[in-house]
Amino acid sequence: MIIVPLKEGENIEKALKKFKRKFEKTGVTKELRRRQAFTKPSIVKREEKIHAVYVEKLHLNED
């Protein structure tokens, strides 16, 4: 449960902004989107390998 403490006389817009920021940090929406469609484990591994190669190239080009 997300709790947003309010100060006396604080604007409701500010409180809503704090709530949205905390909600985004929890990652609930990302998890829901990820669970909507099933991806095969082999495809997930392939994407992870491609991403690892990409990151490695970035680090090598940085030097």
PDB file of N, CA and C in Angstrom:
ATOM      1  N   MET A   1       0.845  -1.172   0.000  1.00  0.00           N
ATOM      2  CA  MET A   1       0.000   0.000   0.000  1.00  0.00           C
ATOM      3  C   MET A   1       0.890   1.234   0.000  1.00  0.00           C
ATOM      4  N   ILE A   2       0.536   2.191  -0.823  1.00  0.00           N
ATOM      5  CA  ILE A   2       1.314   3.421  -0.934  1.00  0.00           C
ATOM      6  C   ILE A   2       0.683   4.480  -0.040  1.00  0.00           C
ATOM      7  N   ILE A   3       1.505   5.073   0.821  1.00  0.00           N
ATOM      8  CA  ILE A   3       1.037   6.118   1.722  1.00  0.00           C
ATOM      9  C   ILE A   3       1.768   7.404   1.387  1.00  0.00           C
ATOM     10  N   VAL A   4       0.981   8.477   1.182  1.00  0.00           N
ATOM     11  CA  VAL A   4       1.562   9.781   0.880  1.00  0.00           C
ATOM     12  C   VAL A   4       1.164  10.723   2.016  1.00  0.00           C
ATOM     13  N   PRO A   5       2.118  11.054   2.886  1.00  0.00           N
ATOM     14  CA  PRO A   5       1.782  11.965   3.978  1.00  0.00           C
ATOM     15  C   PRO A   5       1.566  13.391   3.453  1.00  0.00           C
ATOM     16  N   LEU A   6       0.511  14.034   3.935  1.00  0.00           N
ATOM     17  CA  LEU A   6       0.200  15.395   3.516  1.00  0.00           C
ATOM     18  C   LEU A   6       0.475  16.364   4.650  1.00  0.00           C
ATOM     19  N   LYS A   7       1.026  17.506   4.296  1.00  0.00           N
ATOM     20  CA  LYS A   7       1.228  18.563   5.276  1.00  0.00           C
ATOM     21  C   LYS A   7      -0.028  19.423   5.310  1.00  0.00           C
ATOM     22  N   GLU A   8      -0.179  20.161   6.379  1.00  0.00           N
ATOM     23  CA  GLU A   8      -1.341  21.026   6.543  1.00  0.00           C
ATOM     24  C   GLU A   8      -1.373  22.077   5.437  1.00  0.00           C
ATOM     25  N   GLY A   9      -2.453  22.103   4.682  1.00  0.00           N
ATOM     26  CA  GLY A   9      -2.622  23.099   3.629  1.00  0.00           C
ATOM     27  C   GLY A   9      -1.861  22.790   2.342  1.00  0.00           C
ATOM     28  N   GLU A  10      -1.380  21.554   2.197  1.00  0.00           N
ATOM     29  CA  GLU A  10      -0.632  21.200   0.988  1.00  0.00           C
ATOM     30  C   GLU A  10      -1.593  21.032  -0.191  1.00  0.00           C
ATOM     31  N   ASN A  11      -1.149  21.447  -1.337  1.00  0.00           N
ATOM     32  CA  ASN A  11      -1.956  21.387  -2.544  1.00  0.00           C
ATOM     33  C   ASN A  11      -2.215  19.935  -2.933  1.00  0.00           C
ATOM     34  N   ILE A  12      -3.445  19.644  -3.368  1.00  0.00           N
ATOM     35  CA  ILE A  12      -3.798  18.275  -3.750  1.00  0.00           C
ATOM     36  C   ILE A  12      -3.046  17.849  -5.005  1.00  0.00           C
ATOM     37  N   GLU A  13      -2.714  18.786  -5.862  1.00  0.00           N
ATOM     38  CA  GLU A  13      -1.964  18.474  -7.080  1.00  0.00           C
ATOM     39  C   GLU A  13      -0.570  17.955  -6.737  1.00  0.00           C
ATOM     40  N   LYS A  14       0.051  18.566  -5.743  1.00  0.00           N
ATOM     41  CA  LYS A  14       1.380  18.135  -5.303  1.00  0.00           C
ATOM     42  C   LYS A  14       1.324  16.727  -4.719  1.00  0.00           C
ATOM     43  N   ALA A  15       0.283  16.482  -3.934  1.00  0.00           N
ATOM     44  CA  ALA A  15       0.128  15.165  -3.319  1.00  0.00           C
ATOM     45  C   ALA A  15      -0.099  14.098  -4.390  1.00  0.00           C
ATOM     46  N   LEU A  16      -0.891  14.429  -5.392  1.00  0.00           N
ATOM     47  CA  LEU A  16      -1.146  13.489  -6.485  1.00  0.00           C
ATOM     48  C   LEU A  16       0.135  13.200  -7.255  1.00  0.00           C
ATOM     49  N   LYS A  17       0.956  14.230  -7.446  1.00  0.00           N
ATOM     50  CA  LYS A  17       2.231  14.060  -8.138  1.00  0.00           C
ATOM     51  C   LYS A  17       3.148  13.131  -7.346  1.00  0.00           C
ATOM     52  N   LYS A  18       3.189  13.287  -6.021  1.00  0.00           N
ATOM     53  CA  LYS A  18       3.994  12.411  -5.164  1.00  0.00           C
ATOM     54  C   LYS A  18       3.515  10.963  -5.272  1.00  0.00           C
ATOM     55  N   PHE A  19       2.185  10.800  -5.258  1.00  0.00           N
ATOM     56  CA  PHE A  19       1.617   9.458  -5.356  1.00  0.00           C
ATOM     57  C   PHE A  19       1.999   8.800  -6.673  1.00  0.00           C
ATOM     58  N   LYS A  20       1.869   9.530  -7.771  1.00  0.00           N
ATOM     59  CA  LYS A  20       2.199   8.982  -9.082  1.00  0.00           C
ATOM     60  C   LYS A  20       3.666   8.576  -9.148  1.00  0.00           C
ATOM     61  N   ARG A  21       4.552   9.402  -8.577  1.00  0.00           N
ATOM     62  CA  ARG A  21       5.980   9.103  -8.584  1.00  0.00           C
ATOM     63  C   ARG A  21       6.268   7.826  -7.796  1.00  0.00           C
ATOM     64  N   LYS A  22       5.649   7.690  -6.624  1.00  0.00           N
ATOM     65  CA  LYS A  22       5.852   6.494  -5.807  1.00  0.00           C
ATOM     66  C   LYS A  22       5.305   5.258  -6.520  1.00  0.00           C
ATOM     67  N   PHE A  23       4.157   5.424  -7.185  1.00  0.00           N
ATOM     68  CA  PHE A  23       3.536   4.308  -7.893  1.00  0.00           C
ATOM     69  C   PHE A  23       4.425   3.840  -9.038  1.00  0.00           C
ATOM     70  N   GLU A  24       5.031   4.756  -9.771  1.00  0.00           N
ATOM     71  CA  GLU A  24       5.923   4.398 -10.872  1.00  0.00           C
ATOM     72  C   GLU A  24       7.155   3.657 -10.357  1.00  0.00           C
ATOM     73  N   LYS A  25       7.669   4.051  -9.200  1.00  0.00           N
ATOM     74  CA  LYS A  25       8.855   3.410  -8.647  1.00  0.00           C
ATOM     75  C   LYS A  25       8.592   1.962  -8.244  1.00  0.00           C
ATOM     76  N   THR A  26       7.352   1.632  -7.921  1.00  0.00           N
ATOM     77  CA  THR A  26       7.048   0.262  -7.530  1.00  0.00           C
ATOM     78  C   THR A  26       7.111  -0.689  -8.717  1.00  0.00           C
ATOM     79  N   GLY A  27       6.883  -0.188  -9.934  1.00  0.00           N
ATOM     80  CA  GLY A  27       6.988  -1.018 -11.131  1.00  0.00           C
ATOM     81  C   GLY A  27       5.767  -1.881 -11.398  1.00  0.00           C
ATOM     82  N   VAL A  28       4.633  -1.531 -10.831  1.00  0.00           N
ATOM     83  CA  VAL A  28       3.418  -2.325 -10.995  1.00  0.00           C
ATOM     84  C   VAL A  28       2.947  -2.303 -12.442  1.00  0.00           C
ATOM     85  N   THR A  29       2.944  -1.150 -13.071  1.00  0.00           N
ATOM     86  CA  THR A  29       2.451  -1.055 -14.445  1.00  0.00           C
ATOM     87  C   THR A  29       3.348  -1.818 -15.414  1.00  0.00           C
ATOM     88  N   LYS A  30       4.664  -1.757 -15.206  1.00  0.00           N
ATOM     89  CA  LYS A  30       5.580  -2.519 -16.064  1.00  0.00           C
ATOM     90  C   LYS A  30       5.319  -4.009 -15.941  1.00  0.00           C
ATOM     91  N   GLU A  31       5.113  -4.464 -14.716  1.00  0.00           N
ATOM     92  CA  GLU A  31       4.860  -5.882 -14.474  1.00  0.00           C
ATOM     93  C   GLU A  31       3.550  -6.323 -15.133  1.00  0.00           C
ATOM     94  N   LEU A  32       2.521  -5.498 -15.042  1.00  0.00           N
ATOM     95  CA  LEU A  32       1.245  -5.837 -15.671  1.00  0.00           C
ATOM     96  C   LEU A  32       1.383  -5.933 -17.186  1.00  0.00           C
ATOM     97  N   ARG A  33       2.083  -5.002 -17.780  1.00  0.00           N
ATOM     98  CA  ARG A  33       2.277  -5.026 -19.228  1.00  0.00           C
ATOM     99  C   ARG A  33       3.083  -6.264 -19.643  1.00  0.00           C
ATOM    100  N   ARG A  34       4.081  -6.615 -18.840  1.00  0.00           N
ATOM    101  CA  ARG A  34       4.904  -7.773 -19.147  1.00  0.00           C
ATOM    102  C   ARG A  34       4.083  -9.059 -19.075  1.00  0.00           C
ATOM    103  N   ARG A  35       3.144  -9.122 -18.155  1.00  0.00           N
ATOM    104  CA  ARG A  35       2.351 -10.336 -17.959  1.00  0.00           C
ATOM    105  C   ARG A  35       1.199 -10.474 -18.953  1.00  0.00           C
ATOM    106  N   GLN A  36       0.887  -9.436 -19.700  1.00  0.00           N
ATOM    107  CA  GLN A  36      -0.234  -9.504 -20.633  1.00  0.00           C
ATOM    108  C   GLN A  36       0.014 -10.495 -21.763  1.00  0.00           C
ATOM    109  N   ALA A  37       1.239 -10.596 -22.213  1.00  0.00           N
ATOM    110  CA  ALA A  37       1.542 -11.503 -23.316  1.00  0.00           C
ATOM    111  C   ALA A  37       2.648 -12.461 -22.885  1.00  0.00           C
ATOM    112  N   PHE A  38       2.495 -13.715 -23.247  1.00  0.00           N
ATOM    113  CA  PHE A  38       3.488 -14.715 -22.892  1.00  0.00           C
ATOM    114  C   PHE A  38       4.621 -14.706 -23.914  1.00  0.00           C
ATOM    115  N   THR A  39       5.848 -14.718 -23.423  1.00  0.00           N
ATOM    116  CA  THR A  39       7.004 -14.856 -24.312  1.00  0.00           C
ATOM    117  C   THR A  39       7.739 -16.129 -23.927  1.00  0.00           C
ATOM    118  N   LYS A  40       8.111 -16.878 -24.942  1.00  0.00           N
ATOM    119  CA  LYS A  40       8.787 -18.143 -24.703  1.00  0.00           C
ATOM    120  C   LYS A  40      10.137 -17.890 -24.035  1.00  0.00           C
ATOM    121  N   PRO A  41      10.576 -18.804 -23.160  1.00  0.00           N
ATOM    122  CA  PRO A  41      11.866 -18.646 -22.483  1.00  0.00           C
ATOM    123  C   PRO A  41      13.035 -18.527 -23.457  1.00  0.00           C
ATOM    124  N   SER A  42      12.957 -19.215 -24.588  1.00  0.00           N
ATOM    125  CA  SER A  42      14.056 -19.138 -25.553  1.00  0.00           C
ATOM    126  C   SER A  42      14.162 -17.731 -26.143  1.00  0.00           C
ATOM    127  N   ILE A  43      13.026 -17.077 -26.356  1.00  0.00           N
ATOM    128  CA  ILE A  43      13.038 -15.718 -26.894  1.00  0.00           C
ATOM    129  C   ILE A  43      13.578 -14.745 -25.852  1.00  0.00           C
ATOM    130  N   VAL A  44      13.212 -14.965 -24.596  1.00  0.00           N
ATOM    131  CA  VAL A  44      13.710 -14.098 -23.518  1.00  0.00           C
ATOM    132  C   VAL A  44      15.229 -14.210 -23.427  1.00  0.00           C
ATOM    133  N   LYS A  45      15.758 -15.445 -23.491  1.00  0.00           N
ATOM    134  CA  LYS A  45      17.212 -15.645 -23.428  1.00  0.00           C
ATOM    135  C   LYS A  45      17.906 -14.983 -24.608  1.00  0.00           C
ATOM    136  N   ARG A  46      17.303 -15.110 -25.791  1.00  0.00           N
ATOM    137  CA  ARG A  46      17.884 -14.520 -26.990  1.00  0.00           C
ATOM    138  C   ARG A  46      17.957 -12.997 -26.855  1.00  0.00           C
ATOM    139  N   GLU A  47      16.870 -12.396 -26.359  1.00  0.00           N
ATOM    140  CA  GLU A  47      16.853 -10.937 -26.178  1.00  0.00           C
ATOM    141  C   GLU A  47      17.881 -10.499 -25.137  1.00  0.00           C
ATOM    142  N   GLU A  48      18.040 -11.291 -24.069  1.00  0.00           N
ATOM    143  CA  GLU A  48      19.034 -10.959 -23.053  1.00  0.00           C
ATOM    144  C   GLU A  48      20.445 -11.016 -23.631  1.00  0.00           C
ATOM    145  N   LYS A  49      20.718 -12.020 -24.474  1.00  0.00           N
ATOM    146  CA  LYS A  49      22.041 -12.124 -25.096  1.00  0.00           C
ATOM    147  C   LYS A  49      22.296 -10.940 -26.024  1.00  0.00           C
ATOM    148  N   ILE A  50      21.305 -10.584 -26.819  1.00  0.00           N
ATOM    149  CA  ILE A  50      21.450  -9.444 -27.735  1.00  0.00           C
ATOM    150  C   ILE A  50      21.714  -8.165 -26.948  1.00  0.00           C
ATOM    151  N   HIS A  51      20.998  -7.996 -25.851  1.00  0.00           N
ATOM    152  CA  HIS A  51      21.193  -6.807 -25.017  1.00  0.00           C
ATOM    153  C   HIS A  51      22.592  -6.804 -24.395  1.00  0.00           C
ATOM    154  N   ALA A  52      23.068  -7.964 -23.956  1.00  0.00           N
ATOM    155  CA  ALA A  52      24.396  -8.057 -23.353  1.00  0.00           C
ATOM    156  C   ALA A  52      25.478  -7.706 -24.378  1.00  0.00           C
ATOM    157  N   VAL A  53      25.313  -8.160 -25.606  1.00  0.00           N
ATOM    158  CA  VAL A  53      26.279  -7.838 -26.660  1.00  0.00           C
ATOM    159  C   VAL A  53      26.269  -6.337 -26.921  1.00  0.00           C
ATOM    160  N   TYR A  54      25.091  -5.755 -26.950  1.00  0.00           N
ATOM    161  CA  TYR A  54      24.957  -4.311 -27.184  1.00  0.00           C
ATOM    162  C   TYR A  54      25.657  -3.506 -26.088  1.00  0.00           C
ATOM    163  N   VAL A  55      25.436  -3.889 -24.850  1.00  0.00           N
ATOM    164  CA  VAL A  55      26.050  -3.179 -23.721  1.00  0.00           C
ATOM    165  C   VAL A  55      27.569  -3.345 -23.762  1.00  0.00           C
ATOM    166  N   GLU A  56      28.029  -4.533 -24.098  1.00  0.00           N
ATOM    167  CA  GLU A  56      29.472  -4.780 -24.186  1.00  0.00           C
ATOM    168  C   GLU A  56      30.107  -3.902 -25.256  1.00  0.00           C
ATOM    169  N   LYS A  57      29.438  -3.766 -26.395  1.00  0.00           N
ATOM    170  CA  LYS A  57      29.953  -2.902 -27.459  1.00  0.00           C
ATOM    171  C   LYS A  57      30.006  -1.447 -27.006  1.00  0.00           C
ATOM    172  N   LEU A  58      29.006  -1.031 -26.261  1.00  0.00           N
ATOM    173  CA  LEU A  58      28.998   0.344 -25.748  1.00  0.00           C
ATOM    174  C   LEU A  58      30.195   0.589 -24.837  1.00  0.00           C
ATOM    175  N   HIS A  59      30.484  -0.365 -23.972  1.00  0.00           N
ATOM    176  CA  HIS A  59      31.610  -0.220 -23.041  1.00  0.00           C
ATOM    177  C   HIS A  59      32.953  -0.232 -23.784  1.00  0.00           C
ATOM    178  N   LEU A  60      33.053  -1.035 -24.824  1.00  0.00           N
ATOM    179  CA  LEU A  60      34.297  -1.083 -25.587  1.00  0.00           C
ATOM    180  C   LEU A  60      34.515   0.196 -26.376  1.00  0.00           C
ATOM    181  N   ASN A  61      33.439   0.763 -26.921  1.00  0.00           N
ATOM    182  CA  ASN A  61      33.553   1.996 -27.693  1.00  0.00           C
ATOM    183  C   ASN A  61      33.828   3.207 -26.797  1.00  0.00           C
ATOM    184  N   GLU A  62      33.476   3.083 -25.540  1.00  0.00           N
ATOM    185  CA  GLU A  62      33.663   4.173 -24.582  1.00  0.00           C
ATOM    186  C   GLU A  62      35.150   4.413 -24.316  1.00  0.00           C
ATOM    187  N   ASP A  63      35.947   3.375 -24.349  1.00  0.00           N
ATOM    188  CA  ASP A  63      37.388   3.487 -24.068  1.00  0.00           C
ATOM    189  C   ASP A  63      38.095   4.096 -25.212  1.00  0.00           C
TER     190      ASP A  63
END
